[in-house]
Amino acid sequence: MKVAVLDLNGKDTGRKADLSNDVFAIEPNNHAVYLDVKQYLANQRQGTHKSKERAEISGSTRKIKKQKGTGTARAGSIKSGVFRGGGRMFGPRPRNYSFKLNKNVKRLARKSAFTIKASEKSITVIEDFTFDTPKTKNFTAVLKALNLDSKKSLFVLGGSNNNVYLSSRNLKGSEVLIDSEISTYKILNANQVVLFESALKNIETNLSK
């Protein structure tokens, strides 16, 4: 698949980038995509939720009423979850939500995500650029030139580019990542994926293994 290479002003450079069929034109595997997105979201959870159980509540340990003859249910402790102020029954406990996912499944999921974006014509290739100093207005100008100022966009760099990253950090609808940091979730969450030429080469090399 051939796509035009644009410059930072949104103009066609006259060159074409060849999107590898092994990465951008496979048969998408929806289950692999589901698993990879699920793992990403699970890893975002801190798992620090906790509520007090009856053993952790401060209160008397005496039996609050006699066992029989009251006409009501038995009760042995004021700290029971059935009473106001008692411990919570089956409450949340700290836990780790992360789970292991095979590397081949993750690779398949990312290729599937790129294929979906390519089929929707939601992938743009741009020649590598940088800014002299980090300025938000410089990055905003690039977004306007690419008609992305009102869309969620993901810019994928081929390597560290601190000025471009810092220039985008204040913009809510745009995110800049290095090619090694991309995830299936971030690819699918963006309306448009903008790949630097150097990033395209790295992605194809890494995902074609």
N, C-alpha and C. Protein backbone atom coordinates (compact mmCIF):
# COMPACT_ATOMS: atom_id res chain seq x y z
N MET A 1 0.85 -1.18 0.00
CA MET A 1 0.00 0.00 0.00
C MET A 1 0.90 1.25 0.00
N LYS A 2 0.62 2.16 -0.92
CA LYS A 2 1.41 3.38 -1.03
C LYS A 2 0.63 4.55 -0.45
N VAL A 3 1.32 5.38 0.35
CA VAL A 3 0.70 6.61 0.87
C VAL A 3 1.68 7.75 0.65
N ALA A 4 1.13 8.95 0.46
CA ALA A 4 1.97 10.12 0.22
C ALA A 4 2.68 10.53 1.50
N VAL A 5 3.91 10.97 1.36
CA VAL A 5 4.68 11.50 2.49
C VAL A 5 4.48 13.01 2.52
N LEU A 6 3.99 13.53 3.64
CA LEU A 6 3.73 14.95 3.78
C LEU A 6 4.84 15.62 4.58
N ASP A 7 4.94 16.95 4.42
CA ASP A 7 5.85 17.69 5.28
C ASP A 7 5.07 18.29 6.45
N LEU A 8 5.73 19.03 7.34
CA LEU A 8 5.03 19.54 8.52
C LEU A 8 4.02 20.63 8.19
N ASN A 9 4.02 21.10 6.95
CA ASN A 9 3.02 22.08 6.51
C ASN A 9 1.84 21.40 5.83
N GLY A 10 1.83 20.07 5.83
CA GLY A 10 0.73 19.33 5.22
C GLY A 10 0.82 19.22 3.72
N LYS A 11 1.95 19.61 3.13
CA LYS A 11 2.13 19.56 1.68
C LYS A 11 2.74 18.23 1.26
N ASP A 12 2.34 17.76 0.08
CA ASP A 12 2.87 16.52 -0.46
C ASP A 12 4.31 16.73 -0.89
N THR A 13 5.21 15.89 -0.40
CA THR A 13 6.63 16.02 -0.75
C THR A 13 6.94 15.42 -2.11
N GLY A 14 5.96 14.71 -2.69
CA GLY A 14 6.20 14.04 -3.97
C GLY A 14 6.73 12.63 -3.80
N ARG A 15 7.02 12.25 -2.58
CA ARG A 15 7.51 10.91 -2.31
C ARG A 15 6.38 10.04 -1.78
N LYS A 16 6.53 8.73 -1.94
CA LYS A 16 5.53 7.77 -1.45
C LYS A 16 6.18 6.83 -0.43
N ALA A 17 5.42 6.51 0.60
CA ALA A 17 5.86 5.52 1.58
C ALA A 17 5.11 4.22 1.32
N ASP A 18 5.83 3.15 1.35
CA ASP A 18 5.23 1.83 1.10
C ASP A 18 4.89 1.18 2.44
N LEU A 19 3.60 1.02 2.71
CA LEU A 19 3.15 0.37 3.95
C LEU A 19 3.18 -1.14 3.73
N SER A 20 3.98 -1.82 4.53
CA SER A 20 4.16 -3.26 4.38
C SER A 20 2.84 -4.02 4.57
N ASN A 21 2.58 -4.95 3.67
CA ASN A 21 1.37 -5.78 3.79
C ASN A 21 1.42 -6.68 5.01
N ASP A 22 2.63 -6.99 5.49
CA ASP A 22 2.78 -7.85 6.66
C ASP A 22 2.36 -7.15 7.95
N VAL A 23 2.25 -5.83 7.91
CA VAL A 23 1.89 -5.07 9.10
C VAL A 23 0.57 -4.32 8.92
N PHE A 24 0.36 -3.77 7.73
CA PHE A 24 -0.78 -2.88 7.51
C PHE A 24 -1.88 -3.50 6.64
N ALA A 25 -1.74 -4.77 6.28
CA ALA A 25 -2.78 -5.37 5.43
C ALA A 25 -2.95 -6.85 5.74
N ILE A 26 -3.00 -7.18 7.02
CA ILE A 26 -3.23 -8.58 7.41
C ILE A 26 -4.72 -8.79 7.66
N GLU A 27 -5.08 -10.02 7.98
CA GLU A 27 -6.46 -10.30 8.40
C GLU A 27 -6.54 -9.97 9.89
N PRO A 28 -7.29 -8.91 10.28
CA PRO A 28 -7.31 -8.50 11.69
C PRO A 28 -7.82 -9.61 12.61
N ASN A 29 -7.15 -9.78 13.72
CA ASN A 29 -7.57 -10.77 14.72
C ASN A 29 -8.22 -10.01 15.89
N ASN A 30 -9.54 -10.00 15.92
CA ASN A 30 -10.26 -9.21 16.92
C ASN A 30 -10.02 -9.69 18.35
N HIS A 31 -9.82 -11.00 18.51
CA HIS A 31 -9.62 -11.50 19.87
C HIS A 31 -8.26 -11.07 20.41
N ALA A 32 -7.25 -11.07 19.55
CA ALA A 32 -5.92 -10.60 19.98
C ALA A 32 -5.99 -9.13 20.35
N VAL A 33 -6.74 -8.35 19.58
CA VAL A 33 -6.91 -6.92 19.88
C VAL A 33 -7.59 -6.76 21.24
N TYR A 34 -8.64 -7.55 21.47
CA TYR A 34 -9.37 -7.49 22.74
C TYR A 34 -8.44 -7.79 23.92
N LEU A 35 -7.62 -8.85 23.80
CA LEU A 35 -6.74 -9.24 24.89
C LEU A 35 -5.69 -8.16 25.17
N ASP A 36 -5.14 -7.57 24.12
CA ASP A 36 -4.09 -6.57 24.31
C ASP A 36 -4.65 -5.29 24.93
N VAL A 37 -5.84 -4.88 24.48
CA VAL A 37 -6.49 -3.70 25.06
C VAL A 37 -6.86 -3.98 26.52
N LYS A 38 -7.37 -5.18 26.77
CA LYS A 38 -7.74 -5.56 28.14
C LYS A 38 -6.52 -5.51 29.05
N GLN A 39 -5.38 -6.02 28.57
CA GLN A 39 -4.16 -6.00 29.40
C GLN A 39 -3.71 -4.56 29.66
N TYR A 40 -3.77 -3.71 28.63
CA TYR A 40 -3.34 -2.32 28.80
C TYR A 40 -4.19 -1.62 29.86
N LEU A 41 -5.51 -1.79 29.77
CA LEU A 41 -6.40 -1.14 30.73
C LEU A 41 -6.24 -1.72 32.13
N ALA A 42 -6.00 -3.03 32.20
CA ALA A 42 -5.79 -3.67 33.50
C ALA A 42 -4.52 -3.13 34.17
N ASN A 43 -3.50 -2.87 33.35
CA ASN A 43 -2.24 -2.37 33.90
C ASN A 43 -2.35 -0.94 34.41
N GLN A 44 -3.39 -0.21 33.97
CA GLN A 44 -3.58 1.16 34.45
C GLN A 44 -4.21 1.19 35.84
N ARG A 45 -4.78 0.08 36.27
CA ARG A 45 -5.46 0.05 37.56
C ARG A 45 -4.44 -0.08 38.69
N GLN A 46 -4.59 0.76 39.70
CA GLN A 46 -3.66 0.72 40.82
C GLN A 46 -3.93 -0.48 41.73
N GLY A 47 -5.18 -0.86 41.86
CA GLY A 47 -5.51 -2.00 42.71
C GLY A 47 -5.32 -1.73 44.18
N THR A 48 -5.42 -0.46 44.60
CA THR A 48 -5.20 -0.11 46.01
C THR A 48 -6.51 0.01 46.79
N HIS A 49 -7.62 -0.38 46.18
CA HIS A 49 -8.92 -0.27 46.84
C HIS A 49 -8.98 -1.18 48.08
N LYS A 50 -9.57 -0.68 49.13
CA LYS A 50 -9.63 -1.43 50.39
C LYS A 50 -10.77 -0.91 51.24
N SER A 51 -11.54 -1.80 51.84
CA SER A 51 -12.53 -1.41 52.84
C SER A 51 -12.29 -2.24 54.10
N LYS A 52 -12.70 -1.71 55.24
CA LYS A 52 -12.45 -2.41 56.50
C LYS A 52 -13.42 -3.59 56.67
N GLU A 53 -12.87 -4.70 57.09
CA GLU A 53 -13.68 -5.86 57.41
C GLU A 53 -13.91 -5.90 58.92
N ARG A 54 -14.72 -6.82 59.38
CA ARG A 54 -15.14 -6.80 60.79
C ARG A 54 -13.97 -6.94 61.76
N ALA A 55 -12.90 -7.61 61.33
CA ALA A 55 -11.75 -7.78 62.21
C ALA A 55 -10.97 -6.47 62.38
N GLU A 56 -11.21 -5.50 61.48
CA GLU A 56 -10.45 -4.25 61.52
C GLU A 56 -11.26 -3.10 62.13
N ILE A 57 -12.52 -3.36 62.49
CA ILE A 57 -13.37 -2.32 63.05
C ILE A 57 -13.13 -2.20 64.56
N SER A 58 -13.10 -0.95 65.05
CA SER A 58 -13.00 -0.73 66.49
C SER A 58 -14.38 -0.84 67.12
N GLY A 59 -14.49 -1.62 68.18
CA GLY A 59 -15.79 -1.78 68.83
C GLY A 59 -15.74 -2.90 69.85
N SER A 60 -16.79 -3.00 70.65
CA SER A 60 -16.85 -4.02 71.69
C SER A 60 -16.90 -5.42 71.09
N THR A 61 -16.34 -6.35 71.80
CA THR A 61 -16.39 -7.74 71.34
C THR A 61 -17.41 -8.55 72.11
N ARG A 62 -18.12 -7.90 73.01
CA ARG A 62 -19.10 -8.66 73.82
C ARG A 62 -20.28 -9.08 72.95
N LYS A 63 -20.93 -10.15 73.36
CA LYS A 63 -22.15 -10.58 72.67
C LYS A 63 -23.24 -9.57 73.02
N ILE A 64 -23.86 -9.00 71.98
CA ILE A 64 -24.72 -7.84 72.23
C ILE A 64 -26.12 -8.20 72.76
N LYS A 65 -26.54 -9.45 72.63
CA LYS A 65 -27.82 -9.86 73.20
C LYS A 65 -27.79 -11.37 73.37
N LYS A 66 -28.70 -11.86 74.13
CA LYS A 66 -28.70 -13.30 74.38
C LYS A 66 -29.01 -14.08 73.11
N GLN A 67 -28.58 -15.34 73.11
CA GLN A 67 -28.67 -16.15 71.90
C GLN A 67 -30.11 -16.43 71.51
N LYS A 68 -30.96 -16.73 72.48
CA LYS A 68 -32.33 -17.18 72.16
C LYS A 68 -33.35 -16.33 72.91
N GLY A 69 -34.56 -16.39 72.41
CA GLY A 69 -35.66 -15.77 73.14
C GLY A 69 -35.96 -14.33 72.79
N THR A 70 -35.24 -13.73 71.85
CA THR A 70 -35.50 -12.32 71.51
C THR A 70 -36.48 -12.18 70.34
N GLY A 71 -36.71 -13.27 69.64
CA GLY A 71 -37.59 -13.20 68.47
C GLY A 71 -36.91 -12.68 67.23
N THR A 72 -35.65 -12.36 67.33
CA THR A 72 -34.91 -11.86 66.16
C THR A 72 -33.70 -12.76 65.91
N ALA A 73 -32.96 -12.44 64.88
CA ALA A 73 -31.82 -13.27 64.49
C ALA A 73 -30.71 -13.21 65.54
N ARG A 74 -29.90 -14.26 65.58
CA ARG A 74 -28.75 -14.30 66.47
C ARG A 74 -27.76 -13.21 66.09
N ALA A 75 -27.08 -12.65 67.08
CA ALA A 75 -26.05 -11.64 66.82
C ALA A 75 -24.96 -11.77 67.86
N GLY A 76 -23.73 -11.91 67.40
CA GLY A 76 -22.64 -12.12 68.34
C GLY A 76 -21.71 -10.93 68.46
N SER A 77 -21.75 -9.97 67.49
CA SER A 77 -20.79 -8.87 67.54
C SER A 77 -21.39 -7.63 66.90
N ILE A 78 -21.13 -6.47 67.52
CA ILE A 78 -21.60 -5.21 66.96
C ILE A 78 -20.82 -4.83 65.70
N LYS A 79 -19.68 -5.54 65.49
CA LYS A 79 -18.85 -5.25 64.32
C LYS A 79 -19.29 -6.02 63.07
N SER A 80 -20.34 -6.78 63.18
CA SER A 80 -20.86 -7.53 62.04
C SER A 80 -21.31 -6.58 60.93
N GLY A 81 -21.18 -7.03 59.71
CA GLY A 81 -21.56 -6.20 58.57
C GLY A 81 -23.04 -5.91 58.46
N VAL A 82 -23.88 -6.61 59.21
CA VAL A 82 -25.32 -6.34 59.13
C VAL A 82 -25.72 -5.13 59.97
N PHE A 83 -24.81 -4.63 60.81
CA PHE A 83 -25.11 -3.46 61.64
C PHE A 83 -24.41 -2.22 61.09
N ARG A 84 -25.06 -1.09 61.31
CA ARG A 84 -24.46 0.17 60.90
C ARG A 84 -23.15 0.38 61.66
N GLY A 85 -22.10 0.76 60.90
CA GLY A 85 -20.79 0.95 61.52
C GLY A 85 -19.97 -0.31 61.58
N GLY A 86 -20.56 -1.43 61.15
CA GLY A 86 -19.82 -2.68 61.14
C GLY A 86 -18.90 -2.79 59.93
N GLY A 87 -18.15 -3.86 59.90
CA GLY A 87 -17.25 -4.08 58.77
C GLY A 87 -18.02 -4.41 57.50
N ARG A 88 -17.38 -4.19 56.38
CA ARG A 88 -18.03 -4.49 55.10
C ARG A 88 -17.82 -5.95 54.74
N MET A 89 -18.90 -6.59 54.33
CA MET A 89 -18.80 -8.00 53.95
C MET A 89 -18.38 -8.12 52.48
N PHE A 90 -17.40 -8.96 52.21
CA PHE A 90 -16.91 -9.20 50.85
C PHE A 90 -16.48 -7.90 50.17
N GLY A 91 -15.87 -7.00 50.92
CA GLY A 91 -15.41 -5.74 50.36
C GLY A 91 -14.16 -5.90 49.51
N PRO A 92 -13.77 -4.83 48.80
CA PRO A 92 -12.58 -4.91 47.95
C PRO A 92 -11.29 -5.02 48.77
N ARG A 93 -10.36 -5.78 48.25
CA ARG A 93 -9.05 -5.92 48.87
C ARG A 93 -7.98 -5.54 47.84
N PRO A 94 -6.82 -5.04 48.29
CA PRO A 94 -5.76 -4.71 47.33
C PRO A 94 -5.39 -5.93 46.49
N ARG A 95 -5.22 -5.70 45.20
CA ARG A 95 -4.85 -6.80 44.31
C ARG A 95 -4.17 -6.25 43.06
N ASN A 96 -3.49 -7.11 42.36
CA ASN A 96 -2.81 -6.77 41.12
C ASN A 96 -3.65 -7.27 39.95
N TYR A 97 -4.07 -6.34 39.09
CA TYR A 97 -4.95 -6.71 37.98
C TYR A 97 -4.19 -7.14 36.72
N SER A 98 -2.87 -6.96 36.71
CA SER A 98 -2.11 -7.27 35.49
C SER A 98 -2.10 -8.77 35.22
N PHE A 99 -1.94 -9.11 33.96
CA PHE A 99 -1.83 -10.52 33.58
C PHE A 99 -0.87 -10.65 32.40
N LYS A 100 -0.34 -11.83 32.23
CA LYS A 100 0.68 -12.07 31.21
C LYS A 100 0.03 -12.28 29.84
N LEU A 101 0.66 -11.74 28.83
CA LEU A 101 0.17 -11.94 27.47
C LEU A 101 1.37 -12.29 26.58
N ASN A 102 1.21 -13.31 25.78
CA ASN A 102 2.28 -13.76 24.90
C ASN A 102 2.71 -12.66 23.94
N LYS A 103 4.03 -12.56 23.70
CA LYS A 103 4.55 -11.51 22.81
C LYS A 103 3.98 -11.61 21.40
N ASN A 104 3.79 -12.84 20.93
CA ASN A 104 3.25 -13.02 19.58
C ASN A 104 1.81 -12.52 19.48
N VAL A 105 1.05 -12.67 20.57
CA VAL A 105 -0.33 -12.17 20.59
C VAL A 105 -0.33 -10.65 20.56
N LYS A 106 0.56 -10.03 21.33
CA LYS A 106 0.67 -8.57 21.35
C LYS A 106 1.09 -8.04 19.98
N ARG A 107 2.02 -8.73 19.35
CA ARG A 107 2.47 -8.31 18.02
C ARG A 107 1.34 -8.42 17.01
N LEU A 108 0.59 -9.51 17.07
CA LEU A 108 -0.56 -9.71 16.18
C LEU A 108 -1.62 -8.64 16.41
N ALA A 109 -1.85 -8.28 17.69
CA ALA A 109 -2.85 -7.27 18.02
C ALA A 109 -2.47 -5.91 17.43
N ARG A 110 -1.20 -5.55 17.51
CA ARG A 110 -0.76 -4.24 17.00
C ARG A 110 -0.81 -4.21 15.48
N LYS A 111 -0.46 -5.33 14.85
CA LYS A 111 -0.59 -5.38 13.38
C LYS A 111 -2.06 -5.29 12.97
N SER A 112 -2.92 -5.91 13.75
CA SER A 112 -4.36 -5.84 13.47
C SER A 112 -4.87 -4.42 13.62
N ALA A 113 -4.40 -3.72 14.66
CA ALA A 113 -4.81 -2.33 14.89
C ALA A 113 -4.35 -1.44 13.75
N PHE A 114 -3.11 -1.61 13.30
CA PHE A 114 -2.60 -0.81 12.18
C PHE A 114 -3.38 -1.13 10.89
N THR A 115 -3.73 -2.40 10.71
CA THR A 115 -4.50 -2.78 9.53
C THR A 115 -5.87 -2.11 9.52
N ILE A 116 -6.51 -2.08 10.70
CA ILE A 116 -7.82 -1.43 10.82
C ILE A 116 -7.70 0.04 10.47
N LYS A 117 -6.67 0.71 11.00
CA LYS A 117 -6.48 2.13 10.73
C LYS A 117 -6.16 2.37 9.25
N ALA A 118 -5.37 1.49 8.65
CA ALA A 118 -5.03 1.63 7.24
C ALA A 118 -6.27 1.47 6.36
N SER A 119 -7.13 0.52 6.72
CA SER A 119 -8.35 0.30 5.93
C SER A 119 -9.32 1.47 6.04
N GLU A 120 -9.23 2.22 7.15
CA GLU A 120 -10.07 3.41 7.35
C GLU A 120 -9.41 4.68 6.80
N LYS A 121 -8.21 4.49 6.18
CA LYS A 121 -7.43 5.64 5.66
C LYS A 121 -7.13 6.63 6.79
N SER A 122 -6.80 6.09 7.94
CA SER A 122 -6.53 6.91 9.13
C SER A 122 -5.05 6.90 9.50
N ILE A 123 -4.20 6.62 8.52
CA ILE A 123 -2.76 6.65 8.75
C ILE A 123 -2.13 7.69 7.83
N THR A 124 -1.36 8.59 8.42
CA THR A 124 -0.63 9.61 7.67
C THR A 124 0.86 9.41 7.92
N VAL A 125 1.65 9.53 6.85
CA VAL A 125 3.10 9.45 6.99
C VAL A 125 3.67 10.84 6.76
N ILE A 126 4.53 11.29 7.66
CA ILE A 126 5.08 12.64 7.60
C ILE A 126 6.61 12.55 7.70
N GLU A 127 7.29 13.42 6.97
CA GLU A 127 8.74 13.39 7.06
C GLU A 127 9.19 13.87 8.44
N ASP A 128 10.31 13.37 8.89
CA ASP A 128 10.81 13.73 10.22
C ASP A 128 11.06 15.23 10.32
N PHE A 129 10.68 15.81 11.45
CA PHE A 129 10.93 17.23 11.69
C PHE A 129 11.17 17.44 13.17
N THR A 130 11.65 18.60 13.50
CA THR A 130 11.82 18.99 14.90
C THR A 130 11.62 20.49 15.00
N PHE A 131 11.58 21.01 16.23
CA PHE A 131 11.45 22.44 16.48
C PHE A 131 12.72 22.93 17.16
N ASP A 132 13.03 24.21 16.92
CA ASP A 132 14.21 24.79 17.57
C ASP A 132 14.02 24.87 19.08
N THR A 133 12.81 25.23 19.48
CA THR A 133 12.47 25.31 20.91
C THR A 133 11.09 24.70 21.10
N PRO A 134 10.79 24.18 22.29
CA PRO A 134 9.45 23.63 22.51
C PRO A 134 8.41 24.74 22.64
N LYS A 135 7.48 24.81 21.70
CA LYS A 135 6.39 25.79 21.74
C LYS A 135 5.10 25.13 21.30
N THR A 136 4.07 25.28 22.11
CA THR A 136 2.79 24.65 21.80
C THR A 136 2.24 25.16 20.47
N LYS A 137 2.43 26.46 20.19
CA LYS A 137 1.86 27.03 18.96
C LYS A 137 2.49 26.41 17.70
N ASN A 138 3.75 25.97 17.81
CA ASN A 138 4.38 25.30 16.67
C ASN A 138 3.69 23.98 16.36
N PHE A 139 3.40 23.23 17.41
CA PHE A 139 2.72 21.94 17.20
C PHE A 139 1.28 22.16 16.76
N THR A 140 0.63 23.19 17.30
CA THR A 140 -0.74 23.51 16.89
C THR A 140 -0.79 23.84 15.40
N ALA A 141 0.23 24.52 14.90
CA ALA A 141 0.30 24.85 13.47
C ALA A 141 0.39 23.59 12.62
N VAL A 142 1.15 22.60 13.10
CA VAL A 142 1.25 21.32 12.39
C VAL A 142 -0.10 20.62 12.35
N LEU A 143 -0.80 20.63 13.49
CA LEU A 143 -2.13 20.00 13.55
C LEU A 143 -3.09 20.65 12.56
N LYS A 144 -3.07 21.97 12.48
CA LYS A 144 -3.96 22.69 11.56
C LYS A 144 -3.59 22.38 10.11
N ALA A 145 -2.30 22.30 9.84
CA ALA A 145 -1.86 22.00 8.47
C ALA A 145 -2.30 20.61 8.03
N LEU A 146 -2.39 19.68 9.00
CA LEU A 146 -2.81 18.30 8.69
C LEU A 146 -4.31 18.09 8.91
N ASN A 147 -5.03 19.18 9.23
CA ASN A 147 -6.49 19.11 9.51
C ASN A 147 -6.81 18.18 10.67
N LEU A 148 -5.96 18.24 11.69
CA LEU A 148 -6.15 17.37 12.86
C LEU A 148 -6.45 18.17 14.12
N ASP A 149 -6.69 19.47 13.99
CA ASP A 149 -6.89 20.30 15.18
C ASP A 149 -8.17 19.97 15.92
N SER A 150 -9.13 19.30 15.26
CA SER A 150 -10.38 18.94 15.92
C SER A 150 -10.54 17.43 16.07
N LYS A 151 -9.44 16.69 15.88
CA LYS A 151 -9.48 15.22 15.98
C LYS A 151 -8.47 14.73 17.00
N LYS A 152 -8.73 13.54 17.53
CA LYS A 152 -7.74 12.90 18.40
C LYS A 152 -6.65 12.31 17.51
N SER A 153 -5.41 12.68 17.78
CA SER A 153 -4.32 12.23 16.93
C SER A 153 -3.20 11.61 17.76
N LEU A 154 -2.50 10.67 17.14
CA LEU A 154 -1.36 10.02 17.76
C LEU A 154 -0.17 10.19 16.83
N PHE A 155 0.86 10.90 17.29
CA PHE A 155 2.08 11.08 16.52
C PHE A 155 3.12 10.07 17.02
N VAL A 156 3.69 9.33 16.11
CA VAL A 156 4.67 8.30 16.49
C VAL A 156 6.03 8.70 15.95
N LEU A 157 6.97 8.95 16.87
CA LEU A 157 8.31 9.37 16.51
C LEU A 157 9.22 8.16 16.31
N GLY A 158 10.25 8.36 15.50
CA GLY A 158 11.21 7.28 15.28
C GLY A 158 12.30 7.23 16.32
N GLY A 159 12.36 8.22 17.19
CA GLY A 159 13.36 8.28 18.25
C GLY A 159 13.07 9.46 19.14
N SER A 160 13.91 9.69 20.11
CA SER A 160 13.69 10.78 21.05
C SER A 160 13.71 12.13 20.33
N ASN A 161 12.66 12.92 20.58
CA ASN A 161 12.55 14.27 19.99
C ASN A 161 11.88 15.14 21.03
N ASN A 162 12.67 15.63 21.96
CA ASN A 162 12.14 16.29 23.15
C ASN A 162 11.34 17.55 22.83
N ASN A 163 11.78 18.32 21.84
CA ASN A 163 11.09 19.57 21.51
C ASN A 163 9.69 19.32 20.95
N VAL A 164 9.56 18.30 20.13
CA VAL A 164 8.23 17.96 19.59
C VAL A 164 7.33 17.44 20.70
N TYR A 165 7.89 16.57 21.55
CA TYR A 165 7.11 16.01 22.66
C TYR A 165 6.63 17.11 23.61
N LEU A 166 7.52 18.00 24.02
CA LEU A 166 7.14 19.06 24.95
C LEU A 166 6.15 20.04 24.32
N SER A 167 6.24 20.24 23.02
CA SER A 167 5.34 21.17 22.33
C SER A 167 3.91 20.63 22.29
N SER A 168 3.76 19.31 22.39
CA SER A 168 2.43 18.70 22.29
C SER A 168 1.80 18.42 23.64
N ARG A 169 2.60 18.56 24.72
CA ARG A 169 2.16 18.04 26.01
C ARG A 169 0.94 18.76 26.57
N ASN A 170 0.73 20.02 26.22
CA ASN A 170 -0.41 20.78 26.74
C ASN A 170 -1.69 20.57 25.94
N LEU A 171 -1.61 19.84 24.85
CA LEU A 171 -2.77 19.66 23.97
C LEU A 171 -3.49 18.37 24.33
N LYS A 172 -4.77 18.52 24.65
CA LYS A 172 -5.53 17.39 25.18
C LYS A 172 -5.81 16.31 24.12
N GLY A 173 -6.06 16.74 22.89
CA GLY A 173 -6.49 15.77 21.88
C GLY A 173 -5.37 15.15 21.09
N SER A 174 -4.13 15.44 21.45
CA SER A 174 -3.01 14.92 20.68
C SER A 174 -1.98 14.29 21.61
N GLU A 175 -1.36 13.22 21.15
CA GLU A 175 -0.35 12.53 21.96
C GLU A 175 0.84 12.20 21.09
N VAL A 176 2.03 12.33 21.64
CA VAL A 176 3.27 12.03 20.93
C VAL A 176 4.01 10.92 21.66
N LEU A 177 4.36 9.86 20.92
CA LEU A 177 5.06 8.72 21.51
C LEU A 177 6.23 8.31 20.63
N ILE A 178 7.18 7.61 21.22
CA ILE A 178 8.24 6.95 20.44
C ILE A 178 7.68 5.62 19.94
N ASP A 179 8.17 5.14 18.82
CA ASP A 179 7.60 3.91 18.22
C ASP A 179 7.64 2.72 19.17
N SER A 180 8.61 2.70 20.10
CA SER A 180 8.70 1.57 21.04
C SER A 180 7.64 1.65 22.14
N GLU A 181 6.93 2.78 22.24
CA GLU A 181 5.94 2.97 23.31
C GLU A 181 4.50 2.76 22.84
N ILE A 182 4.30 2.48 21.57
CA ILE A 182 2.93 2.37 21.07
C ILE A 182 2.24 1.14 21.64
N SER A 183 0.93 1.23 21.73
CA SER A 183 0.12 0.11 22.20
C SER A 183 -1.11 0.01 21.32
N THR A 184 -1.73 -1.15 21.33
CA THR A 184 -2.95 -1.37 20.53
C THR A 184 -4.03 -0.38 20.95
N TYR A 185 -4.15 -0.15 22.25
CA TYR A 185 -5.18 0.77 22.76
C TYR A 185 -4.98 2.17 22.19
N LYS A 186 -3.74 2.68 22.22
CA LYS A 186 -3.48 4.04 21.77
C LYS A 186 -3.69 4.18 20.27
N ILE A 187 -3.35 3.14 19.52
CA ILE A 187 -3.57 3.17 18.07
C ILE A 187 -5.06 3.29 17.76
N LEU A 188 -5.86 2.45 18.40
CA LEU A 188 -7.30 2.43 18.13
C LEU A 188 -8.02 3.63 18.73
N ASN A 189 -7.47 4.19 19.79
CA ASN A 189 -8.13 5.32 20.46
C ASN A 189 -7.99 6.62 19.68
N ALA A 190 -7.01 6.69 18.77
CA ALA A 190 -6.79 7.91 17.99
C ALA A 190 -7.64 7.89 16.71
N ASN A 191 -8.12 9.07 16.32
CA ASN A 191 -8.84 9.18 15.05
C ASN A 191 -7.87 9.10 13.87
N GLN A 192 -6.67 9.63 14.08
CA GLN A 192 -5.65 9.62 13.02
C GLN A 192 -4.29 9.30 13.62
N VAL A 193 -3.59 8.36 13.00
CA VAL A 193 -2.24 7.99 13.43
C VAL A 193 -1.25 8.61 12.45
N VAL A 194 -0.36 9.45 12.97
CA VAL A 194 0.64 10.13 12.14
C VAL A 194 2.00 9.51 12.42
N LEU A 195 2.57 8.87 11.41
CA LEU A 195 3.84 8.17 11.56
C LEU A 195 4.97 8.99 10.95
N PHE A 196 6.02 9.24 11.73
CA PHE A 196 7.24 9.80 11.16
C PHE A 196 7.86 8.72 10.27
N GLU A 197 8.57 9.13 9.23
CA GLU A 197 9.17 8.16 8.31
C GLU A 197 10.09 7.19 9.05
N SER A 198 10.89 7.71 9.96
CA SER A 198 11.80 6.84 10.70
C SER A 198 11.04 5.85 11.58
N ALA A 199 9.89 6.29 12.11
CA ALA A 199 9.07 5.41 12.95
C ALA A 199 8.46 4.30 12.12
N LEU A 200 8.07 4.62 10.89
CA LEU A 200 7.47 3.61 10.01
C LEU A 200 8.45 2.46 9.77
N LYS A 201 9.70 2.80 9.54
CA LYS A 201 10.72 1.76 9.32
C LYS A 201 10.90 0.90 10.57
N ASN A 202 10.95 1.56 11.73
CA ASN A 202 11.14 0.81 12.98
C ASN A 202 9.95 -0.10 13.27
N ILE A 203 8.75 0.40 13.05
CA ILE A 203 7.54 -0.38 13.30
C ILE A 203 7.51 -1.61 12.42
N GLU A 204 7.79 -1.44 11.14
CA GLU A 204 7.76 -2.57 10.22
C GLU A 204 8.84 -3.60 10.57
N THR A 205 10.00 -3.11 11.01
CA THR A 205 11.08 -4.02 11.41
C THR A 205 10.69 -4.82 12.64
N ASN A 206 10.11 -4.15 13.63
CA ASN A 206 9.77 -4.80 14.91
C ASN A 206 8.57 -5.74 14.78
N LEU A 207 7.57 -5.35 14.00
CA LEU A 207 6.35 -6.16 13.90
C LEU A 207 6.40 -7.23 12.84
N SER A 208 7.41 -7.19 11.99
CA SER A 208 7.52 -8.20 10.94
C SER A 208 8.28 -9.43 11.38
N LYS A 209 8.74 -9.44 12.64
CA LYS A 209 9.51 -10.57 13.16
C LYS A 209 8.67 -11.83 13.23
